[in-house]
């Protein structure tokens, strides 16, 4: 089971110039579409005198959720080449925005594709690519009498304890690497009076 994905650790910037046109690129690590909308708005404000603000993004460990935007450039000359770079580096949870300052000379379709591709590439090359784990969040609830057995599993598996609450009824939240989650869940459920629920 694949339980890692690649993204960038922090924002980065790139640049590509052709025939007087300047293509400034900005790459961000993102987790939601709301975040993406916010960042695109900020860049539009910061570069309000630029002619185009084109972008592409991809979200999710399965890499199935993505979108491109040509922002007035000829169809598929901007967003698609940006997305192409995201795909060729196998990245996800990433947004790349390329801002174009027009230099007076038309670049033509192949020139635009080349420019947006290279601007996106430069932003990725300036970034640090990191591998992240896909994790499952679980809420473990148990009777106080099961405490020792449950805590032994937590200790043996080196599980994180988030918001632990110990009373007659106890509960602990934890995050487990996806490929390990079924096995650990089964171990916990073998203990009497223990329930395990997946949480967001």
N, C-alpha and C. Protein backbone atom coordinates (compact mmCIF):
# COMPACT_ATOMS: atom_id res chain seq x y z
N UNK A 1 0.84 -1.19 0.00
CA UNK A 1 0.00 0.00 0.00
C UNK A 1 0.88 1.25 0.00
N UNK A 2 0.67 2.12 -0.95
CA UNK A 2 1.45 3.36 -0.99
C UNK A 2 0.95 4.29 0.09
N UNK A 3 1.84 4.73 0.97
CA UNK A 3 1.35 5.63 2.01
C UNK A 3 2.26 6.86 2.18
N UNK A 4 2.90 7.24 1.08
CA UNK A 4 3.67 8.49 1.11
C UNK A 4 3.32 9.30 -0.14
N UNK A 5 3.54 10.61 -0.05
CA UNK A 5 3.39 11.45 -1.25
C UNK A 5 4.44 12.55 -1.20
N UNK A 6 4.70 13.13 -2.36
CA UNK A 6 5.73 14.18 -2.43
C UNK A 6 5.08 15.55 -2.59
N UNK A 7 5.60 16.51 -1.85
CA UNK A 7 5.14 17.89 -1.98
C UNK A 7 6.34 18.80 -1.72
N UNK A 8 6.10 20.11 -1.58
CA UNK A 8 7.24 21.00 -1.28
C UNK A 8 7.12 21.46 0.17
N UNK A 9 8.28 21.78 0.77
CA UNK A 9 8.27 22.08 2.21
C UNK A 9 7.81 23.50 2.49
N UNK A 10 8.17 24.44 1.60
CA UNK A 10 7.76 25.84 1.84
C UNK A 10 7.69 26.57 0.50
N UNK A 11 7.09 27.78 0.48
CA UNK A 11 6.94 28.50 -0.78
C UNK A 11 8.28 28.74 -1.48
N UNK A 12 8.24 28.76 -2.81
CA UNK A 12 9.45 29.07 -3.58
C UNK A 12 9.06 29.93 -4.78
N UNK A 13 10.06 30.56 -5.39
CA UNK A 13 9.80 31.44 -6.54
C UNK A 13 10.75 31.10 -7.68
N UNK A 14 10.26 31.33 -8.90
CA UNK A 14 11.10 31.11 -10.07
C UNK A 14 10.89 32.23 -11.07
N UNK A 15 11.66 32.21 -12.16
CA UNK A 15 11.58 33.28 -13.16
C UNK A 15 11.98 32.74 -14.53
N UNK A 16 11.27 33.21 -15.56
CA UNK A 16 11.67 32.90 -16.93
C UNK A 16 11.40 34.14 -17.77
N UNK A 17 12.37 34.48 -18.64
CA UNK A 17 12.20 35.67 -19.50
C UNK A 17 12.29 35.26 -20.96
N UNK A 18 11.46 35.89 -21.80
CA UNK A 18 11.52 35.63 -23.23
C UNK A 18 11.00 36.85 -23.98
N UNK A 19 11.81 37.38 -24.88
CA UNK A 19 11.43 38.52 -25.73
C UNK A 19 10.77 39.65 -24.94
N UNK A 20 11.37 39.96 -23.82
CA UNK A 20 10.85 41.09 -23.03
C UNK A 20 9.75 40.71 -22.06
N UNK A 21 9.07 39.58 -22.28
CA UNK A 21 8.04 39.14 -21.32
C UNK A 21 8.72 38.49 -20.12
N UNK A 22 8.18 38.81 -18.94
CA UNK A 22 8.71 38.22 -17.70
C UNK A 22 7.66 37.30 -17.11
N UNK A 23 8.06 36.09 -16.78
CA UNK A 23 7.15 35.11 -16.17
C UNK A 23 7.65 34.81 -14.76
N UNK A 24 6.95 35.34 -13.76
CA UNK A 24 7.33 35.10 -12.37
C UNK A 24 6.50 33.92 -11.85
N UNK A 25 7.15 32.95 -11.26
CA UNK A 25 6.41 31.76 -10.78
C UNK A 25 6.51 31.64 -9.27
N UNK A 26 5.41 31.17 -8.70
CA UNK A 26 5.31 31.02 -7.24
C UNK A 26 4.72 29.65 -6.93
N UNK A 27 5.43 28.86 -6.13
CA UNK A 27 4.94 27.53 -5.75
C UNK A 27 4.62 27.52 -4.26
N UNK A 28 3.50 26.89 -3.92
CA UNK A 28 3.06 26.83 -2.52
C UNK A 28 2.62 25.41 -2.17
N UNK A 29 2.88 25.05 -0.91
CA UNK A 29 2.33 23.79 -0.41
C UNK A 29 0.93 24.11 0.11
N UNK A 30 -0.08 23.41 -0.38
CA UNK A 30 -1.47 23.70 -0.02
C UNK A 30 -2.20 22.41 0.36
N UNK A 31 -3.29 22.58 1.12
CA UNK A 31 -4.06 21.41 1.53
C UNK A 31 -5.53 21.47 1.14
N UNK A 32 -6.04 22.68 0.85
CA UNK A 32 -7.47 22.83 0.53
C UNK A 32 -7.68 23.79 -0.63
N UNK A 33 -8.85 23.70 -1.26
CA UNK A 33 -9.18 24.62 -2.35
C UNK A 33 -9.37 26.04 -1.82
N UNK A 34 -9.85 26.17 -0.59
CA UNK A 34 -10.01 27.52 0.01
C UNK A 34 -8.66 28.22 0.10
N UNK A 35 -7.67 27.47 0.54
CA UNK A 35 -6.30 27.99 0.65
C UNK A 35 -5.82 28.46 -0.72
N UNK A 36 -6.09 27.65 -1.75
CA UNK A 36 -5.66 27.97 -3.11
C UNK A 36 -6.30 29.27 -3.57
N UNK A 37 -7.61 29.40 -3.37
CA UNK A 37 -8.32 30.62 -3.78
C UNK A 37 -7.73 31.86 -3.12
N UNK A 38 -7.43 31.72 -1.82
CA UNK A 38 -6.87 32.83 -1.04
C UNK A 38 -5.52 33.27 -1.61
N UNK A 39 -4.65 32.28 -1.88
CA UNK A 39 -3.30 32.59 -2.38
C UNK A 39 -3.38 33.25 -3.76
N UNK A 40 -4.25 32.72 -4.64
CA UNK A 40 -4.39 33.29 -5.99
C UNK A 40 -4.85 34.74 -5.90
N UNK A 41 -5.79 35.02 -4.98
CA UNK A 41 -6.27 36.40 -4.80
C UNK A 41 -5.15 37.33 -4.33
N UNK A 42 -4.35 36.84 -3.39
CA UNK A 42 -3.23 37.64 -2.87
C UNK A 42 -2.26 37.97 -4.00
N UNK A 43 -1.93 36.97 -4.82
CA UNK A 43 -0.97 37.19 -5.92
C UNK A 43 -1.56 38.15 -6.95
N UNK A 44 -2.84 38.02 -7.23
CA UNK A 44 -3.49 38.96 -8.17
C UNK A 44 -3.37 40.40 -7.65
N UNK A 45 -3.55 40.58 -6.33
CA UNK A 45 -3.45 41.92 -5.73
C UNK A 45 -2.01 42.43 -5.81
N UNK A 46 -1.07 41.57 -5.43
CA UNK A 46 0.35 41.96 -5.41
C UNK A 46 0.86 42.30 -6.80
N UNK A 47 0.34 41.59 -7.81
CA UNK A 47 0.80 41.79 -9.19
C UNK A 47 -0.36 42.26 -10.06
N UNK A 48 -1.08 43.28 -9.57
CA UNK A 48 -2.31 43.72 -10.27
C UNK A 48 -2.02 44.30 -11.65
N UNK A 49 -0.76 44.75 -11.88
CA UNK A 49 -0.45 45.33 -13.20
C UNK A 49 -0.01 44.28 -14.22
N UNK A 50 0.09 43.01 -13.77
CA UNK A 50 0.48 41.94 -14.70
C UNK A 50 -0.70 41.60 -15.61
N UNK A 51 -0.39 41.12 -16.80
CA UNK A 51 -1.42 40.81 -17.80
C UNK A 51 -2.16 39.51 -17.47
N UNK A 52 -1.45 38.50 -17.00
CA UNK A 52 -2.06 37.19 -16.75
C UNK A 52 -1.56 36.60 -15.43
N UNK A 53 -2.45 35.89 -14.75
CA UNK A 53 -2.10 35.15 -13.53
C UNK A 53 -2.59 33.71 -13.74
N UNK A 54 -1.74 32.89 -14.31
CA UNK A 54 -2.15 31.52 -14.68
C UNK A 54 -1.67 30.55 -13.60
N UNK A 55 -2.40 29.46 -13.44
CA UNK A 55 -1.98 28.55 -12.37
C UNK A 55 -2.47 27.12 -12.63
N UNK A 56 -1.90 26.22 -11.84
CA UNK A 56 -2.34 24.82 -11.81
C UNK A 56 -2.10 24.32 -10.41
N UNK A 57 -2.97 23.40 -9.99
CA UNK A 57 -2.78 22.80 -8.66
C UNK A 57 -3.20 21.33 -8.68
N UNK A 58 -2.69 20.62 -7.68
CA UNK A 58 -3.10 19.21 -7.51
C UNK A 58 -3.17 18.94 -6.01
N UNK A 59 -4.24 18.26 -5.60
CA UNK A 59 -4.46 17.98 -4.19
C UNK A 59 -4.70 16.49 -3.96
N UNK A 60 -4.36 16.04 -2.76
CA UNK A 60 -4.71 14.68 -2.35
C UNK A 60 -3.62 13.67 -2.65
N UNK A 61 -3.50 12.71 -1.75
CA UNK A 61 -2.47 11.68 -1.90
C UNK A 61 -2.72 10.82 -3.13
N UNK A 62 -4.01 10.72 -3.55
CA UNK A 62 -4.32 9.92 -4.74
C UNK A 62 -4.04 10.69 -6.04
N UNK A 63 -3.76 11.99 -5.90
CA UNK A 63 -3.37 12.88 -7.03
C UNK A 63 -4.47 13.00 -8.10
N UNK A 64 -5.72 12.73 -7.71
CA UNK A 64 -6.81 12.73 -8.71
C UNK A 64 -7.51 14.09 -8.80
N UNK A 65 -7.21 14.98 -7.87
CA UNK A 65 -7.93 16.25 -7.79
C UNK A 65 -7.01 17.38 -8.28
N UNK A 66 -7.26 17.90 -9.47
CA UNK A 66 -6.38 18.95 -9.99
C UNK A 66 -7.16 19.91 -10.88
N UNK A 67 -6.57 21.08 -11.13
CA UNK A 67 -7.22 22.06 -12.00
C UNK A 67 -6.18 22.96 -12.63
N UNK A 68 -6.51 23.49 -13.80
CA UNK A 68 -5.62 24.45 -14.46
C UNK A 68 -6.42 25.68 -14.84
N UNK A 69 -5.73 26.83 -14.96
CA UNK A 69 -6.39 28.07 -15.35
C UNK A 69 -5.45 28.87 -16.25
N UNK A 70 -5.92 29.17 -17.48
CA UNK A 70 -5.09 29.91 -18.45
C UNK A 70 -5.23 31.43 -18.30
N UNK A 71 -6.20 31.89 -17.52
CA UNK A 71 -6.41 33.31 -17.25
C UNK A 71 -6.25 34.20 -18.49
N UNK A 72 -6.95 33.85 -19.55
CA UNK A 72 -6.94 34.72 -20.74
C UNK A 72 -5.88 34.39 -21.78
N UNK A 73 -4.93 33.54 -21.44
CA UNK A 73 -3.95 33.10 -22.44
C UNK A 73 -4.67 32.11 -23.38
N UNK A 74 -4.14 31.89 -24.61
CA UNK A 74 -4.78 30.90 -25.49
C UNK A 74 -4.93 29.56 -24.78
N UNK A 75 -6.04 28.88 -25.02
CA UNK A 75 -6.37 27.63 -24.33
C UNK A 75 -5.20 26.64 -24.28
N UNK A 76 -4.94 26.12 -23.10
CA UNK A 76 -3.92 25.08 -22.85
C UNK A 76 -2.47 25.53 -23.03
N UNK A 77 -2.24 26.85 -23.12
CA UNK A 77 -0.83 27.29 -23.27
C UNK A 77 -0.18 27.63 -21.94
N UNK A 78 -0.98 27.69 -20.86
CA UNK A 78 -0.41 28.13 -19.58
C UNK A 78 -0.65 27.11 -18.47
N UNK A 79 -1.93 26.93 -18.11
CA UNK A 79 -2.24 26.02 -17.00
C UNK A 79 -1.75 24.61 -17.22
N UNK A 80 -1.93 24.12 -18.46
CA UNK A 80 -1.55 22.73 -18.76
C UNK A 80 -0.04 22.49 -18.64
N UNK A 81 0.79 23.36 -19.25
CA UNK A 81 2.24 23.16 -19.07
C UNK A 81 2.69 23.28 -17.61
N UNK A 82 1.99 24.13 -16.82
CA UNK A 82 2.34 24.23 -15.38
C UNK A 82 2.00 22.90 -14.70
N UNK A 83 0.80 22.38 -14.98
CA UNK A 83 0.39 21.09 -14.40
C UNK A 83 1.34 19.97 -14.84
N UNK A 84 1.78 20.06 -16.09
CA UNK A 84 2.71 19.05 -16.62
C UNK A 84 3.97 18.93 -15.76
N UNK A 85 4.46 20.07 -15.27
CA UNK A 85 5.66 20.04 -14.41
C UNK A 85 5.35 19.44 -13.05
N UNK A 86 4.16 19.77 -12.52
CA UNK A 86 3.75 19.19 -11.24
C UNK A 86 3.71 17.66 -11.38
N UNK A 87 3.14 17.20 -12.50
CA UNK A 87 3.03 15.75 -12.73
C UNK A 87 4.40 15.11 -12.95
N UNK A 88 5.27 15.79 -13.70
CA UNK A 88 6.55 15.13 -14.00
C UNK A 88 7.43 14.99 -12.75
N UNK A 89 7.20 15.84 -11.74
CA UNK A 89 7.92 15.69 -10.47
C UNK A 89 7.13 14.86 -9.47
N UNK A 90 5.93 14.38 -9.90
CA UNK A 90 5.06 13.54 -9.07
C UNK A 90 4.69 14.23 -7.75
N UNK A 91 4.36 15.53 -7.84
CA UNK A 91 4.02 16.30 -6.64
C UNK A 91 2.51 16.39 -6.46
N UNK A 92 2.10 16.57 -5.21
CA UNK A 92 0.69 16.87 -4.94
C UNK A 92 0.63 17.84 -3.77
N UNK A 93 -0.58 18.29 -3.42
CA UNK A 93 -0.76 19.34 -2.40
C UNK A 93 0.13 20.53 -2.74
N UNK A 94 0.05 20.93 -4.01
CA UNK A 94 0.89 22.02 -4.50
C UNK A 94 0.09 22.91 -5.44
N UNK A 95 0.38 24.21 -5.35
CA UNK A 95 -0.17 25.21 -6.26
C UNK A 95 0.99 25.96 -6.88
N UNK A 96 0.97 26.11 -8.21
CA UNK A 96 1.98 26.96 -8.87
C UNK A 96 1.24 28.03 -9.66
N UNK A 97 1.56 29.28 -9.34
CA UNK A 97 0.98 30.43 -10.05
C UNK A 97 2.10 31.07 -10.87
N UNK A 98 1.83 31.34 -12.15
CA UNK A 98 2.81 32.05 -12.98
C UNK A 98 2.19 33.36 -13.43
N UNK A 99 2.86 34.45 -13.08
CA UNK A 99 2.39 35.80 -13.39
C UNK A 99 3.17 36.30 -14.60
N UNK A 100 2.45 36.78 -15.63
CA UNK A 100 3.15 37.23 -16.84
C UNK A 100 3.06 38.74 -16.99
N UNK A 101 4.23 39.36 -17.12
CA UNK A 101 4.32 40.77 -17.49
C UNK A 101 4.67 40.81 -18.97
N UNK A 102 3.76 41.31 -19.77
CA UNK A 102 3.91 41.29 -21.23
C UNK A 102 5.02 42.24 -21.68
N UNK A 103 5.86 41.75 -22.59
CA UNK A 103 7.00 42.56 -23.02
C UNK A 103 6.81 43.20 -24.38
N UNK A 104 5.61 43.09 -24.96
CA UNK A 104 5.35 43.77 -26.22
C UNK A 104 5.47 42.88 -27.44
N UNK A 105 6.15 41.74 -27.32
CA UNK A 105 6.29 40.84 -28.46
C UNK A 105 5.49 39.56 -28.21
N UNK A 106 4.65 39.20 -29.17
CA UNK A 106 3.87 37.97 -29.01
C UNK A 106 4.81 36.76 -29.11
N UNK A 107 4.55 35.77 -28.28
CA UNK A 107 5.44 34.60 -28.26
C UNK A 107 4.90 33.43 -29.08
N UNK A 108 3.61 33.50 -29.44
CA UNK A 108 3.01 32.37 -30.17
C UNK A 108 2.72 31.22 -29.22
N UNK A 109 1.94 30.27 -29.71
CA UNK A 109 1.50 29.17 -28.86
C UNK A 109 2.67 28.37 -28.29
N UNK A 110 3.60 27.96 -29.15
CA UNK A 110 4.72 27.13 -28.65
C UNK A 110 5.62 27.93 -27.71
N UNK A 111 5.76 29.23 -27.98
CA UNK A 111 6.57 30.10 -27.11
C UNK A 111 5.95 30.23 -25.73
N UNK A 112 4.62 30.36 -25.69
CA UNK A 112 3.92 30.47 -24.41
C UNK A 112 4.02 29.18 -23.61
N UNK A 113 3.79 28.06 -24.28
CA UNK A 113 3.88 26.76 -23.61
C UNK A 113 5.27 26.59 -23.00
N UNK A 114 6.28 26.92 -23.78
CA UNK A 114 7.66 26.81 -23.32
C UNK A 114 7.92 27.73 -22.11
N UNK A 115 7.39 28.96 -22.19
CA UNK A 115 7.63 29.94 -21.12
C UNK A 115 6.96 29.50 -19.81
N UNK A 116 5.70 29.10 -19.89
CA UNK A 116 5.00 28.69 -18.66
C UNK A 116 5.60 27.41 -18.08
N UNK A 117 6.01 26.51 -18.97
CA UNK A 117 6.63 25.26 -18.51
C UNK A 117 7.94 25.58 -17.76
N UNK A 118 8.76 26.43 -18.37
CA UNK A 118 10.06 26.74 -17.75
C UNK A 118 9.94 27.57 -16.48
N UNK A 119 8.96 28.46 -16.44
CA UNK A 119 8.75 29.26 -15.21
C UNK A 119 8.34 28.33 -14.06
N UNK A 120 7.41 27.40 -14.36
CA UNK A 120 6.98 26.44 -13.33
C UNK A 120 8.15 25.55 -12.90
N UNK A 121 8.94 25.13 -13.85
CA UNK A 121 10.11 24.28 -13.56
C UNK A 121 11.07 25.00 -12.63
N UNK A 122 11.30 26.30 -12.88
CA UNK A 122 12.24 27.05 -12.05
C UNK A 122 11.74 27.14 -10.60
N UNK A 123 10.42 27.35 -10.43
CA UNK A 123 9.87 27.41 -9.06
C UNK A 123 10.06 26.07 -8.34
N UNK A 124 9.87 24.96 -9.08
CA UNK A 124 10.04 23.63 -8.46
C UNK A 124 11.53 23.39 -8.14
N UNK A 125 12.39 23.80 -9.06
CA UNK A 125 13.84 23.62 -8.83
C UNK A 125 14.33 24.42 -7.62
N UNK A 126 13.66 25.55 -7.33
CA UNK A 126 14.07 26.38 -6.17
C UNK A 126 13.47 25.85 -4.87
N UNK A 127 12.55 24.90 -4.99
CA UNK A 127 11.84 24.39 -3.80
C UNK A 127 12.55 23.17 -3.22
N UNK A 128 12.23 22.89 -1.97
CA UNK A 128 12.71 21.64 -1.36
C UNK A 128 11.56 20.64 -1.43
N UNK A 129 11.79 19.53 -2.13
CA UNK A 129 10.76 18.50 -2.25
C UNK A 129 10.87 17.55 -1.07
N UNK A 130 9.74 17.31 -0.40
CA UNK A 130 9.75 16.44 0.78
C UNK A 130 8.74 15.31 0.59
N UNK A 131 9.01 14.22 1.30
CA UNK A 131 8.07 13.09 1.25
C UNK A 131 7.27 13.09 2.54
N UNK A 132 5.95 13.02 2.40
CA UNK A 132 5.10 13.02 3.60
C UNK A 132 4.35 11.71 3.71
N UNK A 133 4.04 11.35 4.94
CA UNK A 133 3.30 10.12 5.19
C UNK A 133 1.81 10.37 5.09
N UNK A 134 1.08 9.41 4.54
CA UNK A 134 -0.38 9.47 4.59
C UNK A 134 -0.77 8.80 5.89
N UNK A 135 -1.51 9.52 6.71
CA UNK A 135 -1.85 8.98 8.02
C UNK A 135 -3.36 8.87 8.21
N UNK A 136 -3.73 7.99 9.09
CA UNK A 136 -5.13 7.80 9.44
C UNK A 136 -5.27 8.26 10.89
N UNK A 137 -6.29 9.05 11.14
CA UNK A 137 -6.53 9.52 12.52
C UNK A 137 -7.57 8.63 13.18
N UNK A 138 -7.24 8.15 14.37
CA UNK A 138 -8.15 7.25 15.08
C UNK A 138 -8.45 7.77 16.48
N UNK A 139 -9.67 7.52 16.91
CA UNK A 139 -10.04 7.81 18.30
C UNK A 139 -10.19 6.45 18.99
N UNK A 140 -9.37 6.25 20.01
CA UNK A 140 -9.40 4.99 20.75
C UNK A 140 -10.13 5.24 22.07
N UNK A 141 -11.25 4.54 22.28
CA UNK A 141 -12.02 4.70 23.52
C UNK A 141 -12.00 3.37 24.27
N UNK A 142 -11.84 3.45 25.59
CA UNK A 142 -11.73 2.20 26.35
C UNK A 142 -12.10 2.43 27.81
N UNK A 143 -12.46 1.34 28.47
CA UNK A 143 -12.74 1.39 29.91
C UNK A 143 -11.42 1.52 30.66
N UNK A 144 -11.52 2.13 31.84
CA UNK A 144 -10.31 2.31 32.66
C UNK A 144 -9.61 0.99 32.92
N UNK A 145 -10.41 -0.08 33.02
CA UNK A 145 -9.84 -1.42 33.31
C UNK A 145 -8.91 -1.91 32.19
N UNK A 146 -9.07 -1.35 30.99
CA UNK A 146 -8.24 -1.80 29.86
C UNK A 146 -6.99 -0.93 29.67
N UNK A 147 -6.83 0.04 30.56
CA UNK A 147 -5.75 1.04 30.42
C UNK A 147 -4.37 0.42 30.17
N UNK A 148 -3.97 -0.55 31.00
CA UNK A 148 -2.61 -1.11 30.88
C UNK A 148 -2.38 -1.74 29.52
N UNK A 149 -3.37 -2.52 29.05
CA UNK A 149 -3.22 -3.20 27.76
C UNK A 149 -3.16 -2.19 26.62
N UNK A 150 -4.02 -1.18 26.69
CA UNK A 150 -4.05 -0.17 25.63
C UNK A 150 -2.73 0.61 25.61
N UNK A 151 -2.27 1.02 26.79
CA UNK A 151 -1.04 1.81 26.85
C UNK A 151 0.18 1.00 26.39
N UNK A 152 0.11 -0.31 26.61
CA UNK A 152 1.21 -1.17 26.14
C UNK A 152 1.29 -1.12 24.60
N UNK A 153 0.12 -1.18 23.94
CA UNK A 153 0.10 -1.09 22.46
C UNK A 153 0.65 0.27 22.01
N UNK A 154 0.21 1.33 22.70
CA UNK A 154 0.69 2.68 22.35
C UNK A 154 2.21 2.76 22.48
N UNK A 155 2.73 2.15 23.57
CA UNK A 155 4.18 2.20 23.82
C UNK A 155 4.93 1.35 22.78
N UNK A 156 4.46 0.11 22.57
CA UNK A 156 5.14 -0.81 21.65
C UNK A 156 5.16 -0.25 20.22
N UNK A 157 4.05 0.37 19.83
CA UNK A 157 3.94 0.87 18.45
C UNK A 157 4.43 2.31 18.30
N UNK A 158 4.86 2.89 19.44
CA UNK A 158 5.33 4.30 19.45
C UNK A 158 4.27 5.24 18.85
N UNK A 159 3.03 5.09 19.31
CA UNK A 159 1.94 5.91 18.79
C UNK A 159 1.86 7.25 19.52
N UNK A 160 1.45 8.27 18.78
CA UNK A 160 1.28 9.58 19.41
C UNK A 160 0.02 9.56 20.26
N UNK A 161 0.04 10.34 21.35
CA UNK A 161 -1.16 10.47 22.19
C UNK A 161 -1.63 11.92 22.12
N UNK A 162 -2.79 12.13 21.48
CA UNK A 162 -3.29 13.49 21.30
C UNK A 162 -4.57 13.63 22.11
N UNK A 163 -4.65 14.71 22.91
CA UNK A 163 -5.82 14.96 23.79
C UNK A 163 -6.21 13.73 24.62
N UNK A 164 -5.26 13.12 25.35
CA UNK A 164 -5.67 11.95 26.14
C UNK A 164 -6.62 12.37 27.27
N UNK A 165 -7.60 11.54 27.53
CA UNK A 165 -8.58 11.84 28.57
C UNK A 165 -8.78 10.55 29.36
N UNK A 166 -8.33 10.56 30.63
CA UNK A 166 -8.41 9.34 31.43
C UNK A 166 -9.43 9.51 32.55
N UNK A 167 -10.42 8.65 32.56
CA UNK A 167 -11.47 8.65 33.57
C UNK A 167 -11.99 7.22 33.63
N UNK A 168 -13.23 7.02 34.08
CA UNK A 168 -13.78 5.65 34.01
C UNK A 168 -13.87 5.21 32.56
N UNK A 169 -14.23 6.19 31.71
CA UNK A 169 -14.18 5.97 30.25
C UNK A 169 -13.00 6.81 29.75
N UNK A 170 -12.09 6.17 29.04
CA UNK A 170 -10.90 6.89 28.59
C UNK A 170 -10.92 7.05 27.07
N UNK A 171 -10.26 8.09 26.59
CA UNK A 171 -10.11 8.20 25.13
C UNK A 171 -8.80 8.91 24.77
N UNK A 172 -8.24 8.47 23.65
CA UNK A 172 -6.99 9.06 23.13
C UNK A 172 -7.11 9.13 21.62
N UNK A 173 -6.69 10.26 21.08
CA UNK A 173 -6.62 10.36 19.62
C UNK A 173 -5.19 10.04 19.20
N UNK A 174 -5.05 9.41 18.04
CA UNK A 174 -3.70 9.12 17.55
C UNK A 174 -3.70 9.13 16.03
N UNK A 175 -2.52 9.35 15.46
CA UNK A 175 -2.40 9.26 13.99
C UNK A 175 -1.41 8.16 13.65
N UNK A 176 -1.84 7.31 12.71
CA UNK A 176 -1.07 6.10 12.38
C UNK A 176 -0.78 6.08 10.90
N UNK A 177 0.43 5.71 10.56
CA UNK A 177 0.78 5.53 9.15
C UNK A 177 -0.21 4.58 8.49
N UNK A 178 -0.73 4.98 7.33
CA UNK A 178 -1.82 4.24 6.68
C UNK A 178 -1.53 2.74 6.54
N UNK A 179 -0.32 2.40 6.12
CA UNK A 179 -0.02 0.98 5.87
C UNK A 179 0.01 0.15 7.16
N UNK A 180 0.13 0.84 8.32
CA UNK A 180 0.18 0.12 9.61
C UNK A 180 -1.18 0.11 10.30
N UNK A 181 -2.13 0.93 9.81
CA UNK A 181 -3.33 1.20 10.61
C UNK A 181 -4.20 -0.04 10.83
N UNK A 182 -4.40 -0.87 9.80
CA UNK A 182 -5.27 -2.04 9.97
C UNK A 182 -4.73 -2.99 11.04
N UNK A 183 -3.42 -3.23 10.96
CA UNK A 183 -2.79 -4.16 11.91
C UNK A 183 -2.92 -3.63 13.35
N UNK A 184 -2.66 -2.33 13.53
CA UNK A 184 -2.71 -1.76 14.89
C UNK A 184 -4.15 -1.72 15.40
N UNK A 185 -5.08 -1.38 14.50
CA UNK A 185 -6.50 -1.38 14.89
C UNK A 185 -6.92 -2.76 15.40
N UNK A 186 -6.53 -3.79 14.65
CA UNK A 186 -6.88 -5.17 15.05
C UNK A 186 -6.31 -5.50 16.43
N UNK A 187 -5.06 -5.10 16.66
CA UNK A 187 -4.42 -5.35 17.96
C UNK A 187 -5.22 -4.70 19.08
N UNK A 188 -5.62 -3.44 18.86
CA UNK A 188 -6.37 -2.72 19.89
C UNK A 188 -7.75 -3.34 20.14
N UNK A 189 -8.38 -3.77 19.05
CA UNK A 189 -9.74 -4.30 19.18
C UNK A 189 -9.78 -5.68 19.85
N UNK A 190 -8.61 -6.32 19.95
CA UNK A 190 -8.56 -7.62 20.64
C UNK A 190 -8.68 -7.43 22.15
N UNK A 191 -8.41 -6.19 22.59
CA UNK A 191 -8.50 -5.91 24.03
C UNK A 191 -9.98 -5.69 24.37
N UNK A 192 -10.39 -6.21 25.51
CA UNK A 192 -11.81 -6.08 25.89
C UNK A 192 -12.18 -4.62 26.17
N UNK A 193 -13.41 -4.26 25.83
CA UNK A 193 -13.95 -2.92 26.10
C UNK A 193 -13.17 -1.79 25.42
N UNK A 194 -12.71 -2.06 24.23
CA UNK A 194 -12.01 -1.02 23.45
C UNK A 194 -12.77 -0.79 22.14
N UNK A 195 -12.97 0.47 21.78
CA UNK A 195 -13.54 0.75 20.46
C UNK A 195 -12.62 1.72 19.73
N UNK A 196 -12.56 1.58 18.41
CA UNK A 196 -11.68 2.43 17.59
C UNK A 196 -12.51 3.05 16.49
N UNK A 197 -12.47 4.37 16.37
CA UNK A 197 -13.23 5.07 15.32
C UNK A 197 -12.29 5.93 14.51
N UNK A 198 -12.52 5.97 13.20
CA UNK A 198 -11.72 6.86 12.36
C UNK A 198 -12.26 8.28 12.50
N UNK A 199 -11.37 9.23 12.70
CA UNK A 199 -11.81 10.63 12.82
C UNK A 199 -11.10 11.48 11.77
N UNK A 200 -11.71 12.62 11.45
CA UNK A 200 -11.15 13.49 10.40
C UNK A 200 -9.91 14.20 10.85
